[in-house]
Amino acid sequence: MIPSLEKLRRLAAFAGWAALLAILFSTLSPLGVRPHIPLLGADLERFLAFFAAGATFAFAYPRQRWLVLAGIVALAIGLEWLQTLEKTRHGLPHDAIVKVAGATLGSILSATFDTMAQRFRKPA
């Protein structure tokens, strides 16, 4: 049985907020406490984290996709600036660009998936 689109949106909202909390913790915690995946580089971790947040939030809140993307972009830039306040961290424009790219691509792919899902669900 295929779950309804509304159930998938609720699940995406939960996943998006969970991703956001993980991003906040990872970005603002001291470097020694920051969780990381050993096989991935820092740029790929950043990209994938913001890709997940962008994709899940864009799917969960389809009527506010542009607002969601703008919020995630603002969050990425703001978090990079906040890192300059932590002694063991550093905020770099390169890192912000990687995060913004991940969120943007995630949002675009999510919107594409949503459009396709709605077209396939409509009766002919």
PDB file of N, CA and C in Angstrom:
ATOM      1  N   MET A   1       0.833  -1.183   0.000  1.00  0.00           N
ATOM      2  CA  MET A   1       0.000   0.000   0.000  1.00  0.00           C
ATOM      3  C   MET A   1       0.881   1.252   0.000  1.00  0.00           C
ATOM      4  N   ILE A   2       0.564   2.193  -0.836  1.00  0.00           N
ATOM      5  CA  ILE A   2       1.313   3.437  -0.938  1.00  0.00           C
ATOM      6  C   ILE A   2       0.713   4.447   0.042  1.00  0.00           C
ATOM      7  N   PRO A   3       1.555   5.023   0.900  1.00  0.00           N
ATOM      8  CA  PRO A   3       1.017   6.007   1.845  1.00  0.00           C
ATOM      9  C   PRO A   3       0.536   7.260   1.113  1.00  0.00           C
ATOM     10  N   SER A   4      -0.434   7.927   1.712  1.00  0.00           N
ATOM     11  CA  SER A   4      -0.962   9.134   1.090  1.00  0.00           C
ATOM     12  C   SER A   4       0.109  10.219   1.064  1.00  0.00           C
ATOM     13  N   LEU A   5      -0.084  11.150   0.169  1.00  0.00           N
ATOM     14  CA  LEU A   5       0.861  12.247   0.029  1.00  0.00           C
ATOM     15  C   LEU A   5       0.912  13.075   1.308  1.00  0.00           C
ATOM     16  N   GLU A   6      -0.206  13.232   1.968  1.00  0.00           N
ATOM     17  CA  GLU A   6      -0.239  13.996   3.221  1.00  0.00           C
ATOM     18  C   GLU A   6       0.556  13.302   4.326  1.00  0.00           C
ATOM     19  N   LYS A   7       0.484  11.980   4.390  1.00  0.00           N
ATOM     20  CA  LYS A   7       1.288  11.243   5.379  1.00  0.00           C
ATOM     21  C   LYS A   7       2.777  11.401   5.075  1.00  0.00           C
ATOM     22  N   LEU A   8       3.123  11.364   3.801  1.00  0.00           N
ATOM     23  CA  LEU A   8       4.518  11.553   3.419  1.00  0.00           C
ATOM     24  C   LEU A   8       4.991  12.963   3.771  1.00  0.00           C
ATOM     25  N   ARG A   9       4.112  13.947   3.616  1.00  0.00           N
ATOM     26  CA  ARG A   9       4.469  15.326   3.971  1.00  0.00           C
ATOM     27  C   ARG A   9       4.697  15.472   5.479  1.00  0.00           C
ATOM     28  N   ARG A  10       3.859  14.816   6.287  1.00  0.00           N
ATOM     29  CA  ARG A  10       4.054  14.862   7.744  1.00  0.00           C
ATOM     30  C   ARG A  10       5.377  14.206   8.129  1.00  0.00           C
ATOM     31  N   LEU A  11       5.685  13.085   7.498  1.00  0.00           N
ATOM     32  CA  LEU A  11       6.952  12.405   7.757  1.00  0.00           C
ATOM     33  C   LEU A  11       8.130  13.284   7.317  1.00  0.00           C
ATOM     34  N   ALA A  12       7.991  13.953   6.188  1.00  0.00           N
ATOM     35  CA  ALA A  12       9.039  14.849   5.707  1.00  0.00           C
ATOM     36  C   ALA A  12       9.226  16.025   6.660  1.00  0.00           C
ATOM     37  N   ALA A  13       8.140  16.547   7.211  1.00  0.00           N
ATOM     38  CA  ALA A  13       8.251  17.654   8.169  1.00  0.00           C
ATOM     39  C   ALA A  13       9.035  17.209   9.395  1.00  0.00           C
ATOM     40  N   PHE A  14       8.729  16.030   9.903  1.00  0.00           N
ATOM     41  CA  PHE A  14       9.454  15.495  11.055  1.00  0.00           C
ATOM     42  C   PHE A  14      10.934  15.325  10.715  1.00  0.00           C
ATOM     43  N   ALA A  15      11.211  14.744   9.551  1.00  0.00           N
ATOM     44  CA  ALA A  15      12.602  14.528   9.131  1.00  0.00           C
ATOM     45  C   ALA A  15      13.329  15.859   8.921  1.00  0.00           C
ATOM     46  N   GLY A  16      12.639  16.849   8.393  1.00  0.00           N
ATOM     47  CA  GLY A  16      13.252  18.154   8.175  1.00  0.00           C
ATOM     48  C   GLY A  16      13.636  18.826   9.476  1.00  0.00           C
ATOM     49  N   TRP A  17      12.739  18.783  10.466  1.00  0.00           N
ATOM     50  CA  TRP A  17      13.055  19.391  11.763  1.00  0.00           C
ATOM     51  C   TRP A  17      14.170  18.621  12.460  1.00  0.00           C
ATOM     52  N   ALA A  18      14.181  17.295  12.304  1.00  0.00           N
ATOM     53  CA  ALA A  18      15.273  16.499  12.885  1.00  0.00           C
ATOM     54  C   ALA A  18      16.603  16.857  12.221  1.00  0.00           C
ATOM     55  N   ALA A  19      16.587  17.018  10.907  1.00  0.00           N
ATOM     56  CA  ALA A  19      17.806  17.414  10.188  1.00  0.00           C
ATOM     57  C   ALA A  19      18.262  18.797  10.640  1.00  0.00           C
ATOM     58  N   LEU A  20      17.310  19.698  10.828  1.00  0.00           N
ATOM     59  CA  LEU A  20      17.663  21.040  11.271  1.00  0.00           C
ATOM     60  C   LEU A  20      18.303  21.024  12.659  1.00  0.00           C
ATOM     61  N   LEU A  21      17.754  20.235  13.566  1.00  0.00           N
ATOM     62  CA  LEU A  21      18.352  20.130  14.906  1.00  0.00           C
ATOM     63  C   LEU A  21      19.761  19.544  14.835  1.00  0.00           C
ATOM     64  N   ALA A  22      19.951  18.532  13.992  1.00  0.00           N
ATOM     65  CA  ALA A  22      21.281  17.938  13.826  1.00  0.00           C
ATOM     66  C   ALA A  22      22.260  18.960  13.241  1.00  0.00           C
ATOM     67  N   ILE A  23      21.791  19.756  12.292  1.00  0.00           N
ATOM     68  CA  ILE A  23      22.637  20.794  11.695  1.00  0.00           C
ATOM     69  C   ILE A  23      23.025  21.829  12.741  1.00  0.00           C
ATOM     70  N   LEU A  24      22.057  22.277  13.518  1.00  0.00           N
ATOM     71  CA  LEU A  24      22.345  23.275  14.561  1.00  0.00           C
ATOM     72  C   LEU A  24      23.376  22.753  15.554  1.00  0.00           C
ATOM     73  N   PHE A  25      23.182  21.531  16.012  1.00  0.00           N
ATOM     74  CA  PHE A  25      24.130  20.959  16.969  1.00  0.00           C
ATOM     75  C   PHE A  25      25.513  20.809  16.348  1.00  0.00           C
ATOM     76  N   SER A  26      25.558  20.260  15.149  1.00  0.00           N
ATOM     77  CA  SER A  26      26.846  20.014  14.497  1.00  0.00           C
ATOM     78  C   SER A  26      27.588  21.303  14.181  1.00  0.00           C
ATOM     79  N   THR A  27      26.856  22.330  13.823  1.00  0.00           N
ATOM     80  CA  THR A  27      27.493  23.576  13.415  1.00  0.00           C
ATOM     81  C   THR A  27      27.981  24.397  14.595  1.00  0.00           C
ATOM     82  N   LEU A  28      27.239  24.390  15.687  1.00  0.00           N
ATOM     83  CA  LEU A  28      27.557  25.276  16.800  1.00  0.00           C
ATOM     84  C   LEU A  28      28.322  24.614  17.943  1.00  0.00           C
ATOM     85  N   SER A  29      28.464  23.303  17.898  1.00  0.00           N
ATOM     86  CA  SER A  29      29.197  22.629  18.968  1.00  0.00           C
ATOM     87  C   SER A  29      30.708  22.755  18.733  1.00  0.00           C
ATOM     88  N   PRO A  30      31.491  22.616  19.797  1.00  0.00           N
ATOM     89  CA  PRO A  30      32.956  22.637  19.617  1.00  0.00           C
ATOM     90  C   PRO A  30      33.397  21.530  18.652  1.00  0.00           C
ATOM     91  N   LEU A  31      34.488  21.754  17.985  1.00  0.00           N
ATOM     92  CA  LEU A  31      34.947  20.844  16.939  1.00  0.00           C
ATOM     93  C   LEU A  31      35.119  19.404  17.438  1.00  0.00           C
ATOM     94  N   GLY A  32      35.609  19.238  18.655  1.00  0.00           N
ATOM     95  CA  GLY A  32      35.828  17.896  19.184  1.00  0.00           C
ATOM     96  C   GLY A  32      34.545  17.133  19.466  1.00  0.00           C
ATOM     97  N   VAL A  33      33.433  17.828  19.603  1.00  0.00           N
ATOM     98  CA  VAL A  33      32.147  17.205  19.919  1.00  0.00           C
ATOM     99  C   VAL A  33      31.314  16.986  18.655  1.00  0.00           C
ATOM    100  N   ARG A  34      31.664  17.694  17.596  1.00  0.00           N
ATOM    101  CA  ARG A  34      30.875  17.638  16.356  1.00  0.00           C
ATOM    102  C   ARG A  34      30.851  16.231  15.788  1.00  0.00           C
ATOM    103  N   PRO A  35      29.646  15.703  15.539  1.00  0.00           N
ATOM    104  CA  PRO A  35      29.583  14.380  14.903  1.00  0.00           C
ATOM    105  C   PRO A  35      30.019  14.480  13.444  1.00  0.00           C
ATOM    106  N   HIS A  36      30.644  13.431  12.963  1.00  0.00           N
ATOM    107  CA  HIS A  36      31.032  13.407  11.561  1.00  0.00           C
ATOM    108  C   HIS A  36      31.060  11.979  11.060  1.00  0.00           C
ATOM    109  N   ILE A  37      31.005  11.843   9.748  1.00  0.00           N
ATOM    110  CA  ILE A  37      31.061  10.535   9.108  1.00  0.00           C
ATOM    111  C   ILE A  37      32.475  10.387   8.561  1.00  0.00           C
ATOM    112  N   PRO A  38      33.251   9.443   9.091  1.00  0.00           N
ATOM    113  CA  PRO A  38      34.675   9.344   8.735  1.00  0.00           C
ATOM    114  C   PRO A  38      34.968   9.213   7.237  1.00  0.00           C
ATOM    115  N   LEU A  39      34.103   8.555   6.490  1.00  0.00           N
ATOM    116  CA  LEU A  39      34.382   8.324   5.073  1.00  0.00           C
ATOM    117  C   LEU A  39      34.071   9.527   4.187  1.00  0.00           C
ATOM    118  N   LEU A  40      33.351  10.506   4.726  1.00  0.00           N
ATOM    119  CA  LEU A  40      32.987  11.687   3.943  1.00  0.00           C
ATOM    120  C   LEU A  40      33.851  12.869   4.345  1.00  0.00           C
ATOM    121  N   GLY A  41      34.147  13.702   3.418  1.00  0.00           N
ATOM    122  CA  GLY A  41      34.849  14.939   3.735  1.00  0.00           C
ATOM    123  C   GLY A  41      33.872  15.938   4.332  1.00  0.00           C
ATOM    124  N   ALA A  42      34.403  16.994   4.924  1.00  0.00           N
ATOM    125  CA  ALA A  42      33.559  17.995   5.572  1.00  0.00           C
ATOM    126  C   ALA A  42      32.612  18.667   4.576  1.00  0.00           C
ATOM    127  N   ASP A  43      33.090  18.958   3.365  1.00  0.00           N
ATOM    128  CA  ASP A  43      32.226  19.601   2.377  1.00  0.00           C
ATOM    129  C   ASP A  43      31.051  18.708   1.993  1.00  0.00           C
ATOM    130  N   LEU A  44      31.309  17.419   1.813  1.00  0.00           N
ATOM    131  CA  LEU A  44      30.227  16.503   1.453  1.00  0.00           C
ATOM    132  C   LEU A  44      29.239  16.352   2.610  1.00  0.00           C
ATOM    133  N   GLU A  45      29.732  16.322   3.835  1.00  0.00           N
ATOM    134  CA  GLU A  45      28.837  16.281   4.999  1.00  0.00           C
ATOM    135  C   GLU A  45      27.935  17.506   5.025  1.00  0.00           C
ATOM    136  N   ARG A  46      28.514  18.676   4.847  1.00  0.00           N
ATOM    137  CA  ARG A  46      27.741  19.924   4.835  1.00  0.00           C
ATOM    138  C   ARG A  46      26.694  19.894   3.729  1.00  0.00           C
ATOM    139  N   PHE A  47      27.147  19.529   2.548  1.00  0.00           N
ATOM    140  CA  PHE A  47      26.247  19.499   1.394  1.00  0.00           C
ATOM    141  C   PHE A  47      25.070  18.558   1.655  1.00  0.00           C
ATOM    142  N   LEU A  48      25.357  17.346   2.108  1.00  0.00           N
ATOM    143  CA  LEU A  48      24.293  16.359   2.320  1.00  0.00           C
ATOM    144  C   LEU A  48      23.344  16.763   3.444  1.00  0.00           C
ATOM    145  N   ALA A  49      23.865  17.365   4.498  1.00  0.00           N
ATOM    146  CA  ALA A  49      22.999  17.795   5.600  1.00  0.00           C
ATOM    147  C   ALA A  49      22.008  18.852   5.117  1.00  0.00           C
ATOM    148  N   PHE A  50      22.489  19.826   4.385  1.00  0.00           N
ATOM    149  CA  PHE A  50      21.597  20.874   3.893  1.00  0.00           C
ATOM    150  C   PHE A  50      20.742  20.388   2.725  1.00  0.00           C
ATOM    151  N   PHE A  51      21.237  19.439   1.960  1.00  0.00           N
ATOM    152  CA  PHE A  51      20.419  18.804   0.917  1.00  0.00           C
ATOM    153  C   PHE A  51      19.210  18.135   1.569  1.00  0.00           C
ATOM    154  N   ALA A  52      19.461  17.384   2.636  1.00  0.00           N
ATOM    155  CA  ALA A  52      18.366  16.690   3.331  1.00  0.00           C
ATOM    156  C   ALA A  52      17.368  17.681   3.907  1.00  0.00           C
ATOM    157  N   ALA A  53      17.860  18.722   4.533  1.00  0.00           N
ATOM    158  CA  ALA A  53      16.957  19.723   5.115  1.00  0.00           C
ATOM    159  C   ALA A  53      16.158  20.418   4.016  1.00  0.00           C
ATOM    160  N   GLY A  54      16.817  20.827   2.950  1.00  0.00           N
ATOM    161  CA  GLY A  54      16.124  21.504   1.856  1.00  0.00           C
ATOM    162  C   GLY A  54      15.082  20.617   1.204  1.00  0.00           C
ATOM    163  N   ALA A  55      15.438  19.369   0.962  1.00  0.00           N
ATOM    164  CA  ALA A  55      14.518  18.445   0.300  1.00  0.00           C
ATOM    165  C   ALA A  55      13.310  18.129   1.180  1.00  0.00           C
ATOM    166  N   THR A  56      13.554  17.825   2.435  1.00  0.00           N
ATOM    167  CA  THR A  56      12.435  17.433   3.298  1.00  0.00           C
ATOM    168  C   THR A  56      11.511  18.610   3.594  1.00  0.00           C
ATOM    169  N   PHE A  57      12.075  19.788   3.860  1.00  0.00           N
ATOM    170  CA  PHE A  57      11.230  20.946   4.127  1.00  0.00           C
ATOM    171  C   PHE A  57      10.467  21.379   2.875  1.00  0.00           C
ATOM    172  N   ALA A  58      11.096  21.348   1.717  1.00  0.00           N
ATOM    173  CA  ALA A  58      10.408  21.738   0.484  1.00  0.00           C
ATOM    174  C   ALA A  58       9.256  20.790   0.177  1.00  0.00           C
ATOM    175  N   PHE A  59       9.427  19.508   0.474  1.00  0.00           N
ATOM    176  CA  PHE A  59       8.350  18.544   0.252  1.00  0.00           C
ATOM    177  C   PHE A  59       7.260  18.690   1.309  1.00  0.00           C
ATOM    178  N   ALA A  60       7.659  18.945   2.541  1.00  0.00           N
ATOM    179  CA  ALA A  60       6.690  19.044   3.634  1.00  0.00           C
ATOM    180  C   ALA A  60       5.825  20.292   3.527  1.00  0.00           C
ATOM    181  N   TYR A  61       6.387  21.360   3.018  1.00  0.00           N
ATOM    182  CA  TYR A  61       5.680  22.642   2.949  1.00  0.00           C
ATOM    183  C   TYR A  61       5.659  23.156   1.505  1.00  0.00           C
ATOM    184  N   PRO A  62       4.879  22.511   0.631  1.00  0.00           N
ATOM    185  CA  PRO A  62       4.933  22.850  -0.798  1.00  0.00           C
ATOM    186  C   PRO A  62       4.455  24.261  -1.135  1.00  0.00           C
ATOM    187  N   ARG A  63       3.567  24.815  -0.351  1.00  0.00           N
ATOM    188  CA  ARG A  63       3.064  26.160  -0.650  1.00  0.00           C
ATOM    189  C   ARG A  63       4.044  27.254  -0.253  1.00  0.00           C
ATOM    190  N   GLN A  64       5.021  26.892   0.566  1.00  0.00           N
ATOM    191  CA  GLN A  64       6.005  27.871   1.042  1.00  0.00           C
ATOM    192  C   GLN A  64       7.421  27.514   0.605  1.00  0.00           C
ATOM    193  N   ARG A  65       7.576  26.860  -0.526  1.00  0.00           N
ATOM    194  CA  ARG A  65       8.903  26.390  -0.939  1.00  0.00           C
ATOM    195  C   ARG A  65       9.930  27.511  -1.011  1.00  0.00           C
ATOM    196  N   TRP A  66       9.566  28.643  -1.593  1.00  0.00           N
ATOM    197  CA  TRP A  66      10.525  29.740  -1.727  1.00  0.00           C
ATOM    198  C   TRP A  66      10.884  30.311  -0.366  1.00  0.00           C
ATOM    199  N   LEU A  67       9.892  30.412   0.502  1.00  0.00           N
ATOM    200  CA  LEU A  67      10.149  30.914   1.850  1.00  0.00           C
ATOM    201  C   LEU A  67      11.035  29.942   2.625  1.00  0.00           C
ATOM    202  N   VAL A  68      10.764  28.653   2.475  1.00  0.00           N
ATOM    203  CA  VAL A  68      11.577  27.625   3.132  1.00  0.00           C
ATOM    204  C   VAL A  68      13.015  27.699   2.643  1.00  0.00           C
ATOM    205  N   LEU A  69      13.195  27.791   1.339  1.00  0.00           N
ATOM    206  CA  LEU A  69      14.556  27.864   0.796  1.00  0.00           C
ATOM    207  C   LEU A  69      15.268  29.126   1.272  1.00  0.00           C
ATOM    208  N   ALA A  70      14.554  30.243   1.273  1.00  0.00           N
ATOM    209  CA  ALA A  70      15.159  31.491   1.762  1.00  0.00           C
ATOM    210  C   ALA A  70      15.559  31.363   3.224  1.00  0.00           C
ATOM    211  N   GLY A  71      14.730  30.701   4.017  1.00  0.00           N
ATOM    212  CA  GLY A  71      15.051  30.496   5.426  1.00  0.00           C
ATOM    213  C   GLY A  71      16.275  29.618   5.627  1.00  0.00           C
ATOM    214  N   ILE A  72      16.381  28.569   4.834  1.00  0.00           N
ATOM    215  CA  ILE A  72      17.533  27.673   4.956  1.00  0.00           C
ATOM    216  C   ILE A  72      18.811  28.374   4.495  1.00  0.00           C
ATOM    217  N   VAL A  73      18.712  29.160   3.446  1.00  0.00           N
ATOM    218  CA  VAL A  73      19.873  29.926   2.982  1.00  0.00           C
ATOM    219  C   VAL A  73      20.306  30.918   4.059  1.00  0.00           C
ATOM    220  N   ALA A  74      19.346  31.623   4.644  1.00  0.00           N
ATOM    221  CA  ALA A  74      19.664  32.564   5.724  1.00  0.00           C
ATOM    222  C   ALA A  74      20.276  31.828   6.912  1.00  0.00           C
ATOM    223  N   LEU A  75      19.749  30.647   7.215  1.00  0.00           N
ATOM    224  CA  LEU A  75      20.288  29.838   8.312  1.00  0.00           C
ATOM    225  C   LEU A  75      21.736  29.440   8.026  1.00  0.00           C
ATOM    226  N   ALA A  76      22.018  29.010   6.814  1.00  0.00           N
ATOM    227  CA  ALA A  76      23.381  28.597   6.453  1.00  0.00           C
ATOM    228  C   ALA A  76      24.358  29.748   6.627  1.00  0.00           C
ATOM    229  N   ILE A  77      23.980  30.915   6.144  1.00  0.00           N
ATOM    230  CA  ILE A  77      24.860  32.078   6.259  1.00  0.00           C
ATOM    231  C   ILE A  77      24.993  32.500   7.722  1.00  0.00           C
ATOM    232  N   GLY A  78      23.880  32.503   8.437  1.00  0.00           N
ATOM    233  CA  GLY A  78      23.918  32.885   9.848  1.00  0.00           C
ATOM    234  C   GLY A  78      24.731  31.929  10.702  1.00  0.00           C
ATOM    235  N   LEU A  79      24.607  30.640  10.428  1.00  0.00           N
ATOM    236  CA  LEU A  79      25.373  29.662  11.199  1.00  0.00           C
ATOM    237  C   LEU A  79      26.872  29.796  10.932  1.00  0.00           C
ATOM    238  N   GLU A  80      27.230  30.099   9.705  1.00  0.00           N
ATOM    239  CA  GLU A  80      28.652  30.305   9.416  1.00  0.00           C
ATOM    240  C   GLU A  80      29.173  31.507  10.195  1.00  0.00           C
ATOM    241  N   TRP A  81      28.376  32.565  10.264  1.00  0.00           N
ATOM    242  CA  TRP A  81      28.790  33.732  11.042  1.00  0.00           C
ATOM    243  C   TRP A  81      28.882  33.379  12.525  1.00  0.00           C
ATOM    244  N   LEU A  82      27.907  32.626  13.050  1.00  0.00           N
ATOM    245  CA  LEU A  82      27.927  32.263  14.468  1.00  0.00           C
ATOM    246  C   LEU A  82      29.138  31.400  14.835  1.00  0.00           C
ATOM    247  N   GLN A  83      29.645  30.649  13.873  1.00  0.00           N
ATOM    248  CA  GLN A  83      30.822  29.823  14.143  1.00  0.00           C
ATOM    249  C   GLN A  83      32.034  30.669  14.501  1.00  0.00           C
ATOM    250  N   THR A  84      32.049  31.896  14.067  1.00  0.00           N
ATOM    251  CA  THR A  84      33.191  32.756  14.392  1.00  0.00           C
ATOM    252  C   THR A  84      33.218  33.106  15.881  1.00  0.00           C
ATOM    253  N   LEU A  85      32.107  32.866  16.578  1.00  0.00           N
ATOM    254  CA  LEU A  85      32.046  33.150  18.011  1.00  0.00           C
ATOM    255  C   LEU A  85      32.566  31.994  18.867  1.00  0.00           C
ATOM    256  N   GLU A  86      32.725  30.826  18.283  1.00  0.00           N
ATOM    257  CA  GLU A  86      33.215  29.633  18.985  1.00  0.00           C
ATOM    258  C   GLU A  86      34.720  29.525  18.734  1.00  0.00           C
ATOM    259  N   LYS A  87      35.496  29.344  19.806  1.00  0.00           N
ATOM    260  CA  LYS A  87      36.962  29.333  19.701  1.00  0.00           C
ATOM    261  C   LYS A  87      37.508  28.256  18.760  1.00  0.00           C
ATOM    262  N   THR A  88      36.900  27.079  18.773  1.00  0.00           N
ATOM    263  CA  THR A  88      37.443  25.961  17.993  1.00  0.00           C
ATOM    264  C   THR A  88      36.857  25.879  16.585  1.00  0.00           C
ATOM    265  N   ARG A  89      35.974  26.790  16.231  1.00  0.00           N
ATOM    266  CA  ARG A  89      35.327  26.726  14.914  1.00  0.00           C
ATOM    267  C   ARG A  89      35.689  27.949  14.089  1.00  0.00           C
ATOM    268  N   HIS A  90      35.357  27.922  12.836  1.00  0.00           N
ATOM    269  CA  HIS A  90      35.591  29.046  11.941  1.00  0.00           C
ATOM    270  C   HIS A  90      34.473  29.082  10.907  1.00  0.00           C
ATOM    271  N   GLY A  91      34.016  30.242  10.580  1.00  0.00           N
ATOM    272  CA  GLY A  91      33.000  30.403   9.553  1.00  0.00           C
ATOM    273  C   GLY A  91      33.649  30.901   8.272  1.00  0.00           C
ATOM    274  N   LEU A  92      33.437  30.175   7.203  1.00  0.00           N
ATOM    275  CA  LEU A  92      34.059  30.535   5.923  1.00  0.00           C
ATOM    276  C   LEU A  92      33.002  30.688   4.830  1.00  0.00           C
ATOM    277  N   PRO A  93      33.194  31.637   3.928  1.00  0.00           N
ATOM    278  CA  PRO A  93      32.250  31.786   2.815  1.00  0.00           C
ATOM    279  C   PRO A  93      32.120  30.501   1.985  1.00  0.00           C
ATOM    280  N   HIS A  94      33.238  29.794   1.796  1.00  0.00           N
ATOM    281  CA  HIS A  94      33.202  28.534   1.042  1.00  0.00           C
ATOM    282  C   HIS A  94      32.211  27.557   1.670  1.00  0.00           C
ATOM    283  N   ASP A  95      32.227  27.432   2.995  1.00  0.00           N
ATOM    284  CA  ASP A  95      31.326  26.512   3.683  1.00  0.00           C
ATOM    285  C   ASP A  95      29.871  26.929   3.487  1.00  0.00           C
ATOM    286  N   ALA A  96      29.609  28.229   3.548  1.00  0.00           N
ATOM    287  CA  ALA A  96      28.246  28.726   3.344  1.00  0.00           C
ATOM    288  C   ALA A  96      27.767  28.407   1.929  1.00  0.00           C
ATOM    289  N   ILE A  97      28.646  28.547   0.951  1.00  0.00           N
ATOM    290  CA  ILE A  97      28.281  28.265  -0.445  1.00  0.00           C
ATOM    291  C   ILE A  97      27.932  26.787  -0.613  1.00  0.00           C
ATOM    292  N   VAL A  98      28.703  25.903   0.003  1.00  0.00           N
ATOM    293  CA  VAL A  98      28.430  24.465  -0.073  1.00  0.00           C
ATOM    294  C   VAL A  98      27.067  24.161   0.543  1.00  0.00           C
ATOM    295  N   LYS A  99      26.765  24.773   1.674  1.00  0.00           N
ATOM    296  CA  LYS A  99      25.483  24.558   2.353  1.00  0.00           C
ATOM    297  C   LYS A  99      24.320  25.077   1.511  1.00  0.00           C
ATOM    298  N   VAL A 100      24.479  26.269   0.957  1.00  0.00           N
ATOM    299  CA  VAL A 100      23.424  26.854   0.127  1.00  0.00           C
ATOM    300  C   VAL A 100      23.194  25.994  -1.120  1.00  0.00           C
ATOM    301  N   ALA A 101      24.263  25.496  -1.714  1.00  0.00           N
ATOM    302  CA  ALA A 101      24.130  24.625  -2.888  1.00  0.00           C
ATOM    303  C   ALA A 101      23.375  23.346  -2.532  1.00  0.00           C
ATOM    304  N   GLY A 102      23.678  22.750  -1.389  1.00  0.00           N
ATOM    305  CA  GLY A 102      22.979  21.546  -0.966  1.00  0.00           C
ATOM    306  C   GLY A 102      21.499  21.798  -0.745  1.00  0.00           C
ATOM    307  N   ALA A 103      21.172  22.879  -0.045  1.00  0.00           N
ATOM    308  CA  ALA A 103      19.770  23.204   0.222  1.00  0.00           C
ATOM    309  C   ALA A 103      19.013  23.494  -1.071  1.00  0.00           C
ATOM    310  N   THR A 104      19.658  24.206  -1.982  1.00  0.00           N
ATOM    311  CA  THR A 104      19.008  24.565  -3.245  1.00  0.00           C
ATOM    312  C   THR A 104      18.748  23.330  -4.095  1.00  0.00           C
ATOM    313  N   LEU A 105      19.748  22.479  -4.244  1.00  0.00           N
ATOM    314  CA  LEU A 105      19.566  21.268  -5.042  1.00  0.00           C
ATOM    315  C   LEU A 105      18.530  20.345  -4.395  1.00  0.00           C
ATOM    316  N   GLY A 106      18.568  20.222  -3.077  1.00  0.00           N
ATOM    317  CA  GLY A 106      17.570  19.401  -2.392  1.00  0.00           C
ATOM    318  C   GLY A 106      16.162  19.914  -2.612  1.00  0.00           C
ATOM    319  N   SER A 107      15.997  21.223  -2.558  1.00  0.00           N
ATOM    320  CA  SER A 107      14.674  21.826  -2.776  1.00  0.00           C
ATOM    321  C   SER A 107      14.194  21.611  -4.203  1.00  0.00           C
ATOM    322  N   ILE A 108      15.097  21.771  -5.165  1.00  0.00           N
ATOM    323  CA  ILE A 108      14.725  21.594  -6.576  1.00  0.00           C
ATOM    324  C   ILE A 108      14.317  20.146  -6.844  1.00  0.00           C
ATOM    325  N   LEU A 109      15.115  19.203  -6.356  1.00  0.00           N
ATOM    326  CA  LEU A 109      14.783  17.792  -6.587  1.00  0.00           C
ATOM    327  C   LEU A 109      13.500  17.401  -5.875  1.00  0.00           C
ATOM    328  N   SER A 110      13.274  17.947  -4.701  1.00  0.00           N
ATOM    329  CA  SER A 110      12.048  17.671  -3.968  1.00  0.00           C
ATOM    330  C   SER A 110      10.834  18.207  -4.719  1.00  0.00           C
ATOM    331  N   ALA A 111      10.934  19.419  -5.227  1.00  0.00           N
ATOM    332  CA  ALA A 111       9.823  20.004  -5.989  1.00  0.00           C
ATOM    333  C   ALA A 111       9.550  19.185  -7.247  1.00  0.00           C
ATOM    334  N   THR A 112      10.605  18.723  -7.898  1.00  0.00           N
ATOM    335  CA  THR A 112      10.444  17.878  -9.083  1.00  0.00           C
ATOM    336  C   THR A 112       9.757  16.572  -8.733  1.00  0.00           C
ATOM    337  N   PHE A 113      10.197  15.929  -7.656  1.00  0.00           N
ATOM    338  CA  PHE A 113       9.575  14.685  -7.199  1.00  0.00           C
ATOM    339  C   PHE A 113       8.109  14.914  -6.866  1.00  0.00           C
ATOM    340  N   ASP A 114       7.809  16.005  -6.174  1.00  0.00           N
ATOM    341  CA  ASP A 114       6.439  16.314  -5.787  1.00  0.00           C
ATOM    342  C   ASP A 114       5.548  16.506  -7.014  1.00  0.00           C
ATOM    343  N   THR A 115       6.051  17.232  -7.993  1.00  0.00           N
ATOM    344  CA  THR A 115       5.284  17.451  -9.224  1.00  0.00           C
ATOM    345  C   THR A 115       5.011  16.136  -9.936  1.00  0.00           C
ATOM    346  N   MET A 116       6.018  15.287 -10.033  1.00  0.00           N
ATOM    347  CA  MET A 116       5.843  13.994 -10.686  1.00  0.00           C
ATOM    348  C   MET A 116       4.870  13.118  -9.909  1.00  0.00           C
ATOM    349  N   ALA A 117       4.972  13.107  -8.594  1.00  0.00           N
ATOM    350  CA  ALA A 117       4.080  12.291  -7.772  1.00  0.00           C
ATOM    351  C   ALA A 117       2.629  12.727  -7.941  1.00  0.00           C
ATOM    352  N   GLN A 118       2.401  14.023  -7.989  1.00  0.00           N
ATOM    353  CA  GLN A 118       1.039  14.514  -8.164  1.00  0.00           C
ATOM    354  C   GLN A 118       0.500  14.179  -9.550  1.00  0.00           C
ATOM    355  N   ARG A 119       1.333  14.225 -10.568  1.00  0.00           N
ATOM    356  CA  ARG A 119       0.876  13.887 -11.917  1.00  0.00           C
ATOM    357  C   ARG A 119       0.512  12.417 -12.037  1.00  0.00           C
ATOM    358  N   PHE A 120       1.295  11.560 -11.386  1.00  0.00           N
ATOM    359  CA  PHE A 120       1.017  10.126 -11.460  1.00  0.00           C
ATOM    360  C   PHE A 120      -0.196   9.738 -10.626  1.00  0.00           C
ATOM    361  N   ARG A 121      -0.530  10.491  -9.611  1.00  0.00           N
ATOM    362  CA  ARG A 121      -1.659  10.168  -8.739  1.00  0.00           C
ATOM    363  C   ARG A 121      -2.983  10.662  -9.308  1.00  0.00           C
ATOM    364  N   LYS A 122      -2.953  11.635 -10.218  1.00  0.00           N
ATOM    365  CA  LYS A 122      -4.195  12.158 -10.781  1.00  0.00           C
ATOM    366  C   LYS A 122      -4.798  11.152 -11.750  1.00  0.00           C
ATOM    367  N   PRO A 123      -6.112  10.956 -11.653  1.00  0.00           N
ATOM    368  CA  PRO A 123      -6.747  10.039 -12.616  1.00  0.00           C
ATOM    369  C   PRO A 123      -6.746  10.640 -14.031  1.00  0.00           C
ATOM    370  N   ALA A 124      -6.590   9.792 -15.002  1.00  0.00           N
ATOM    371  CA  ALA A 124      -6.512  10.255 -16.408  1.00  0.00           C
ATOM    372  C   ALA A 124      -7.847  10.657 -16.949  1.00  0.00           C
TER     373      ALA A 124
END
